Amino acid sequence: MEIRLITPAGVHPYPVEDVKALLDGDDGLLWVDIPVCDEPAARLLSEVFGFHPRAVQDCVERNRVPKVHVYADHIFVALHAPQLGKAGHVHYIELDQFIGPRYLVTVHGPLNPVVDPATALQETGTVLRRLEAGRLHPSTSYELSYAVVAALTRRLEEFVAQQTQQVWQLEQRVTSGHLGNPEQFLEEMFQARHGLIAARTMGLLSREIYGRLAAIGRTVPAEARPLLDDIVDQFSRVFALADGQKEYLQGVIEFYRTRSDTKMTIAAERLAVIAVITLPITALSSVLGMNLIVNDRTHFVLLVLVLAVMVVMSGMLLVWAKRQGWW
């Protein structure tokens, strides 16, 4: 758990025991970053900050969708960021925030055991480095929260760019006809599509959350409203990027399906031509074969006549198939 007080003089770390005194004071902006909401962290949120039990429970448990709770003196927001896992699976990295008058509490939600814990600290770590380098000077909790959420939207954009690179590679393979293993190729296409849908969903739901927050606004100061509007715009941009790339990939998939269906149709037509040509030969040979060629003697004249009939019938059927446009 990281406790920091942000003042014009810089960023100052403090022990957990000083949180109560820092809250009661009026010097600087308090930032509490909780990597894991374990029992001591939950007690800090409940007993020291006095947050609503429902909001604290939302920090302890995983939230499947983003959410916002507006209270009398603070706001609780839960968001998600993407992390690509094995076999195209997208892990939802949860980031919870309590935005108060002069404090920000960031809580990193429960993670899948296979996910590196450092992944969850990416946004807060980026903001902390900016603070320590003197490149960020927030004076309110909303400005600090804006910096954290802006880092999250950049992560979403980078994820969409990563999936877009894969989409371009798939499109090049489709147009060039060098697909490799068809089953593996289909798996790669649907993995890319799943990643874009996940990013699209995160952008859409997060936009709706901040849109509602900007609309309610009874605890949001007037100077913070432009920040909320900009966050809504950022999530809208992420949604539009992911949605556009998803539609582009869908076009690639449709092109691949059309090409595959066309190849199957051509193959079926060629097999039909072969069946038509060989049908009279098969029929005549099955009926007359044993009567023309036997162990004792062979009816050469009749055999030649039957073979001629086979050739004529096959030729006529071949001409007919050509006129039908089968080949």
Protein backbone atom coordinates (compact mmCIF):
# COMPACT_ATOMS: atom_id res chain seq x y z
CA MET A 1 0.00 0.00 0.00
CA GLU A 2 1.44 3.35 -1.07
CA ILE A 3 0.54 6.57 0.78
CA ARG A 4 1.63 9.83 -0.82
CA LEU A 5 0.88 13.47 -0.16
CA ILE A 6 1.12 15.69 -3.23
CA THR A 7 2.06 19.30 -2.49
CA PRO A 8 3.56 22.12 -4.57
CA ALA A 9 6.91 21.11 -3.10
CA GLY A 10 6.70 17.56 -4.48
CA VAL A 11 5.48 14.06 -3.66
CA HIS A 12 6.00 12.82 -0.11
CA PRO A 13 5.54 9.18 1.00
CA TYR A 14 3.96 8.39 4.37
CA PRO A 15 3.25 5.24 6.39
CA VAL A 16 -0.26 3.81 6.57
CA GLU A 17 -0.58 4.89 10.19
CA ASP A 18 -0.58 8.57 9.13
CA VAL A 19 -3.57 8.33 6.79
CA LYS A 20 -6.04 9.51 9.43
CA ALA A 21 -3.94 12.54 10.30
CA LEU A 22 -3.42 13.36 6.62
CA LEU A 23 -7.18 13.21 6.04
CA ASP A 24 -7.85 15.53 8.93
CA GLY A 25 -5.24 18.00 7.71
CA ASP A 26 -5.66 20.48 4.90
CA ASP A 27 -2.21 20.41 3.34
CA GLY A 28 -1.83 18.91 -0.13
CA LEU A 29 -3.60 16.16 -2.04
CA LEU A 30 -3.65 12.65 -0.54
CA TRP A 31 -3.21 9.66 -2.86
CA VAL A 32 -3.59 6.13 -1.50
CA ASP A 33 -2.79 3.31 -3.95
CA ILE A 34 -3.83 -0.21 -2.85
CA PRO A 35 -2.40 -3.05 -5.01
CA VAL A 36 -4.60 -5.73 -3.38
CA CYS A 37 -7.75 -5.08 -1.38
CA ASP A 38 -7.03 -7.55 1.43
CA GLU A 39 -8.51 -7.44 4.93
CA PRO A 40 -6.28 -4.60 6.26
CA ALA A 41 -6.99 -2.54 3.15
CA ALA A 42 -10.73 -3.14 3.49
CA ARG A 43 -10.59 -1.99 7.12
CA LEU A 44 -8.75 1.16 6.05
CA LEU A 45 -11.44 1.93 3.48
CA SER A 46 -14.27 1.25 5.93
CA GLU A 47 -12.95 2.57 9.24
CA VAL A 48 -10.61 5.40 8.27
CA PHE A 49 -12.24 6.72 5.10
CA GLY A 50 -15.77 5.64 6.06
CA PHE A 51 -16.70 4.41 2.59
CA HIS A 52 -20.00 2.65 1.97
CA PRO A 53 -19.86 -1.13 2.57
CA ARG A 54 -21.19 -1.77 -0.91
CA ALA A 55 -18.32 0.17 -2.49
CA VAL A 56 -15.77 -1.58 -0.28
CA GLN A 57 -17.24 -4.94 -1.28
CA ASP A 58 -16.91 -3.94 -4.93
CA CYS A 59 -13.19 -3.48 -4.31
CA VAL A 60 -12.83 -6.89 -2.68
CA GLU A 61 -14.74 -8.76 -5.38
CA ARG A 62 -14.38 -8.71 -9.14
CA ASN A 63 -16.72 -6.47 -11.09
CA ARG A 64 -17.81 -7.86 -14.46
CA VAL A 65 -18.77 -4.42 -15.83
CA PRO A 66 -17.71 -0.83 -15.06
CA LYS A 67 -19.81 0.98 -12.50
CA VAL A 68 -20.20 4.28 -10.68
CA HIS A 69 -21.67 5.08 -7.25
CA VAL A 70 -22.23 8.71 -6.31
CA TYR A 71 -22.25 9.48 -2.59
CA ALA A 72 -22.65 12.69 -0.65
CA ASP A 73 -18.94 13.55 -0.41
CA HIS A 74 -17.19 11.19 -2.82
CA ILE A 75 -17.57 9.10 -5.98
CA PHE A 76 -16.72 5.44 -6.57
CA VAL A 77 -15.76 4.37 -10.11
CA ALA A 78 -14.77 0.91 -11.36
CA LEU A 79 -13.08 0.57 -14.77
CA HIS A 80 -11.31 -2.14 -16.77
CA ALA A 81 -8.20 -2.31 -18.92
CA PRO A 82 -7.29 -5.17 -21.29
CA GLN A 83 -4.37 -7.57 -21.00
CA LEU A 84 -3.81 -10.17 -23.72
CA GLY A 85 -3.38 -13.72 -22.42
CA LYS A 86 -2.76 -17.10 -23.97
CA ALA A 87 -4.77 -18.32 -26.97
CA GLY A 88 -6.21 -14.85 -27.55
CA HIS A 89 -7.93 -14.62 -24.16
CA VAL A 90 -8.36 -11.05 -22.91
CA HIS A 91 -7.99 -10.52 -19.16
CA TYR A 92 -9.99 -7.70 -17.60
CA ILE A 93 -7.69 -5.67 -15.32
CA GLU A 94 -9.86 -3.81 -12.82
CA LEU A 95 -9.07 -0.37 -11.45
CA ASP A 96 -11.32 1.12 -8.75
CA GLN A 97 -11.26 4.74 -7.61
CA PHE A 98 -12.64 6.72 -4.69
CA ILE A 99 -12.60 10.40 -5.66
CA GLY A 100 -13.05 12.70 -2.68
CA PRO A 101 -12.69 16.41 -1.94
CA ARG A 102 -8.91 16.29 -1.45
CA TYR A 103 -8.00 12.65 -1.79
CA LEU A 104 -7.89 9.89 -4.38
CA VAL A 105 -7.88 6.21 -3.44
CA THR A 106 -7.01 3.77 -6.23
CA VAL A 107 -7.68 0.09 -5.63
CA HIS A 108 -6.54 -2.65 -8.00
CA GLY A 109 -9.18 -5.35 -8.26
CA PRO A 110 -8.65 -9.11 -7.97
CA LEU A 111 -6.55 -10.65 -10.75
CA ASN A 112 -6.52 -13.98 -12.51
CA PRO A 113 -3.62 -15.96 -11.00
CA VAL A 114 -1.94 -16.24 -14.41
CA VAL A 115 -1.72 -12.44 -14.78
CA ASP A 116 1.44 -10.68 -13.65
CA PRO A 117 0.51 -8.39 -10.69
CA ALA A 118 2.74 -5.68 -12.14
CA THR A 119 0.31 -5.42 -15.05
CA ALA A 120 -2.37 -4.00 -12.76
CA LEU A 121 -0.06 -1.21 -11.57
CA GLN A 122 0.71 0.09 -15.05
CA GLU A 123 -1.53 3.19 -15.00
CA THR A 124 -0.79 4.29 -11.43
CA GLY A 125 2.91 3.62 -11.97
CA THR A 126 2.91 5.85 -15.05
CA VAL A 127 1.22 8.68 -13.15
CA LEU A 128 3.58 8.30 -10.20
CA ARG A 129 6.64 8.60 -12.44
CA ARG A 130 5.18 11.77 -13.96
CA LEU A 131 4.61 13.20 -10.49
CA GLU A 132 8.10 12.37 -9.28
CA ALA A 133 9.63 13.81 -12.47
CA GLY A 134 7.73 17.07 -11.99
CA ARG A 135 5.77 16.69 -15.25
CA LEU A 136 2.39 16.50 -13.52
CA HIS A 137 1.04 18.96 -10.95
CA PRO A 138 -2.53 18.07 -9.94
CA SER A 139 -4.20 20.42 -7.53
CA THR A 140 -7.44 18.45 -7.12
CA SER A 141 -8.40 14.81 -6.83
CA TYR A 142 -10.25 15.03 -10.15
CA GLU A 143 -7.08 16.15 -11.93
CA LEU A 144 -5.17 13.23 -10.45
CA SER A 145 -7.96 10.81 -11.34
CA TYR A 146 -8.02 12.27 -14.85
CA ALA A 147 -4.32 11.48 -15.25
CA VAL A 148 -4.87 7.87 -14.15
CA VAL A 149 -7.86 7.34 -16.46
CA ALA A 150 -6.05 8.99 -19.37
CA ALA A 151 -3.25 6.44 -18.89
CA LEU A 152 -5.88 3.70 -18.98
CA THR A 153 -7.35 4.98 -22.26
CA ARG A 154 -3.85 5.07 -23.77
CA ARG A 155 -3.47 1.44 -22.75
CA LEU A 156 -6.74 0.66 -24.50
CA GLU A 157 -5.55 2.46 -27.64
CA GLU A 158 -2.27 0.54 -27.61
CA PHE A 159 -4.19 -2.71 -27.26
CA VAL A 160 -6.35 -1.79 -30.27
CA ALA A 161 -3.20 -0.93 -32.24
CA GLN A 162 -1.73 -4.31 -31.33
CA GLN A 163 -4.85 -6.09 -32.56
CA THR A 164 -4.87 -3.92 -35.70
CA GLN A 165 -1.37 -5.07 -36.58
CA GLN A 166 -2.58 -8.66 -36.41
CA VAL A 167 -5.61 -7.77 -38.57
CA TRP A 168 -3.34 -6.33 -41.26
CA GLN A 169 -1.20 -9.46 -41.27
CA LEU A 170 -4.31 -11.62 -41.62
CA GLU A 171 -5.59 -9.45 -44.47
CA GLN A 172 -2.28 -9.80 -46.33
CA ARG A 173 -2.41 -13.57 -45.98
CA VAL A 174 -5.99 -13.69 -47.27
CA THR A 175 -5.31 -11.51 -50.33
CA SER A 176 -2.06 -13.32 -51.17
CA GLY A 177 -3.63 -16.75 -50.73
CA HIS A 178 -0.87 -17.95 -48.39
CA LEU A 179 -3.03 -19.00 -45.46
CA GLY A 180 -1.02 -21.89 -44.08
CA ASN A 181 -3.00 -24.24 -41.88
CA PRO A 182 -6.67 -23.30 -42.46
CA GLU A 183 -7.77 -24.24 -38.93
CA GLN A 184 -4.95 -22.24 -37.36
CA PHE A 185 -5.72 -19.31 -39.66
CA LEU A 186 -9.37 -19.30 -38.60
CA GLU A 187 -8.30 -19.45 -34.95
CA GLU A 188 -6.06 -16.41 -35.42
CA MET A 189 -8.85 -14.45 -37.12
CA PHE A 190 -11.35 -15.10 -34.37
CA GLN A 191 -8.75 -14.35 -31.67
CA ALA A 192 -8.14 -10.95 -33.24
CA ARG A 193 -11.89 -10.37 -33.51
CA HIS A 194 -12.36 -11.32 -29.85
CA GLY A 195 -9.67 -8.84 -28.78
CA LEU A 196 -11.26 -6.01 -30.74
CA ILE A 197 -14.70 -6.81 -29.36
CA ALA A 198 -13.29 -6.78 -25.81
CA ALA A 199 -11.64 -3.37 -26.33
CA ARG A 200 -14.79 -2.05 -28.02
CA THR A 201 -16.90 -3.18 -25.07
CA MET A 202 -14.55 -1.62 -22.51
CA GLY A 203 -14.55 1.68 -24.37
CA LEU A 204 -18.33 1.72 -24.76
CA LEU A 205 -19.19 0.79 -21.16
CA SER A 206 -16.58 3.15 -19.68
CA ARG A 207 -17.91 5.97 -21.85
CA GLU A 208 -21.41 5.33 -20.54
CA ILE A 209 -20.17 5.34 -16.94
CA TYR A 210 -18.41 8.69 -17.27
CA GLY A 211 -21.26 10.07 -19.34
CA ARG A 212 -23.65 9.28 -16.50
CA LEU A 213 -21.22 10.78 -13.99
CA ALA A 214 -21.01 13.99 -16.00
CA ALA A 215 -24.81 14.08 -16.29
CA ILE A 216 -25.45 13.56 -12.57
CA GLY A 217 -22.73 15.85 -11.34
CA ARG A 218 -24.25 16.78 -7.98
CA THR A 219 -20.95 16.11 -6.20
CA VAL A 220 -18.73 17.11 -9.12
CA PRO A 221 -17.29 20.64 -8.92
CA ALA A 222 -17.74 22.86 -11.95
CA GLU A 223 -14.01 23.01 -12.67
CA ALA A 224 -13.91 19.20 -12.99
CA ARG A 225 -16.64 18.95 -15.63
CA PRO A 226 -14.30 19.63 -18.60
CA LEU A 227 -12.11 16.75 -17.37
CA LEU A 228 -15.09 14.38 -17.31
CA ASP A 229 -16.16 15.50 -20.78
CA ASP A 230 -12.66 14.86 -22.10
CA ILE A 231 -12.62 11.37 -20.56
CA VAL A 232 -15.95 10.64 -22.26
CA ASP A 233 -14.39 11.77 -25.54
CA GLN A 234 -11.34 9.56 -25.01
CA PHE A 235 -13.43 6.46 -24.37
CA SER A 236 -15.59 7.35 -27.39
CA ARG A 237 -12.44 7.45 -29.52
CA VAL A 238 -11.34 4.05 -28.23
CA PHE A 239 -14.78 2.64 -28.99
CA ALA A 240 -14.72 4.08 -32.52
CA LEU A 241 -11.22 2.74 -33.23
CA ALA A 242 -12.01 -0.76 -31.99
CA ASP A 243 -15.38 -0.80 -33.75
CA GLY A 244 -13.85 0.33 -37.05
CA GLN A 245 -11.13 -2.32 -36.91
CA LYS A 246 -13.68 -4.97 -35.97
CA GLU A 247 -15.73 -4.10 -39.05
CA TYR A 248 -12.58 -4.16 -41.19
CA LEU A 249 -11.69 -7.61 -39.86
CA GLN A 250 -15.26 -8.75 -40.48
CA GLY A 251 -14.77 -7.73 -44.11
CA VAL A 252 -11.58 -9.79 -44.25
CA ILE A 253 -13.45 -12.76 -42.78
CA GLU A 254 -16.25 -12.38 -45.32
CA PHE A 255 -13.71 -12.20 -48.15
CA TYR A 256 -12.03 -15.34 -46.86
CA ARG A 257 -15.38 -17.14 -46.60
CA THR A 258 -16.38 -16.04 -50.11
CA ARG A 259 -13.09 -17.27 -51.55
CA SER A 260 -13.39 -20.59 -49.70
CA ASP A 261 -17.02 -21.05 -50.79
CA THR A 262 -16.06 -20.27 -54.39
CA LYS A 263 -13.30 -22.85 -54.33
CA MET A 264 -15.70 -25.43 -52.91
CA THR A 265 -18.26 -24.62 -55.62
CA ILE A 266 -15.67 -24.98 -58.37
CA ALA A 267 -14.50 -28.27 -56.91
CA ALA A 268 -18.08 -29.54 -56.72
CA GLU A 269 -18.70 -28.58 -60.35
CA ARG A 270 -15.57 -30.39 -61.49
CA LEU A 271 -16.56 -33.48 -59.54
CA ALA A 272 -20.00 -33.29 -61.18
CA VAL A 273 -18.39 -33.19 -64.63
CA ILE A 274 -16.26 -36.23 -63.78
CA ALA A 275 -19.32 -38.07 -62.50
CA VAL A 276 -21.31 -37.24 -65.64
CA ILE A 277 -18.52 -38.43 -67.95
CA THR A 278 -17.87 -41.65 -66.08
CA LEU A 279 -21.53 -42.51 -65.44
CA PRO A 280 -22.27 -44.24 -68.81
CA ILE A 281 -18.96 -46.07 -68.69
CA THR A 282 -19.73 -47.32 -65.22
CA ALA A 283 -23.30 -48.29 -66.13
CA LEU A 284 -22.42 -50.18 -69.34
CA SER A 285 -19.41 -51.91 -67.82
CA SER A 286 -21.41 -53.06 -64.82
CA VAL A 287 -24.16 -54.52 -67.04
CA LEU A 288 -22.18 -55.90 -69.96
CA GLY A 289 -18.69 -56.38 -68.58
CA MET A 290 -19.08 -59.99 -67.48
CA ASN A 291 -20.90 -60.87 -70.71
CA LEU A 292 -18.19 -59.54 -73.07
CA ILE A 293 -15.02 -60.65 -71.30
CA VAL A 294 -15.14 -64.16 -69.86
CA ASN A 295 -12.63 -66.88 -69.17
CA ASP A 296 -13.47 -69.05 -72.21
CA ARG A 297 -13.69 -66.40 -74.91
CA THR A 298 -14.08 -62.68 -75.54
CA HIS A 299 -16.62 -61.07 -77.92
CA PHE A 300 -14.21 -58.63 -79.55
CA VAL A 301 -16.71 -57.16 -82.01
CA LEU A 302 -19.30 -56.53 -79.35
CA LEU A 303 -16.59 -55.25 -77.00
CA VAL A 304 -15.43 -52.68 -79.58
CA LEU A 305 -19.01 -51.65 -80.23
CA VAL A 306 -19.70 -51.14 -76.53
CA LEU A 307 -16.47 -49.15 -76.06
CA ALA A 308 -17.44 -46.93 -79.00
CA VAL A 309 -20.85 -46.34 -77.47
CA MET A 310 -19.15 -45.40 -74.18
CA VAL A 311 -16.89 -42.90 -75.92
CA VAL A 312 -19.76 -41.34 -77.85
CA MET A 313 -21.97 -41.03 -74.76
CA SER A 314 -19.13 -39.56 -72.69
CA GLY A 315 -18.34 -37.10 -75.49
CA MET A 316 -21.97 -36.03 -75.77
CA LEU A 317 -22.21 -35.54 -72.00
CA LEU A 318 -18.95 -33.61 -72.00
CA VAL A 319 -20.26 -31.26 -74.70
CA TRP A 320 -23.51 -30.85 -72.78
CA ALA A 321 -21.64 -30.01 -69.57
CA LYS A 322 -19.59 -27.44 -71.46
CA ARG A 323 -22.76 -25.77 -72.78
CA GLN A 324 -24.13 -25.71 -69.22
CA GLY A 325 -21.02 -23.79 -68.15
CA TRP A 326 -19.84 -26.41 -65.68
CA TRP A 327 -16.25 -26.17 -66.90
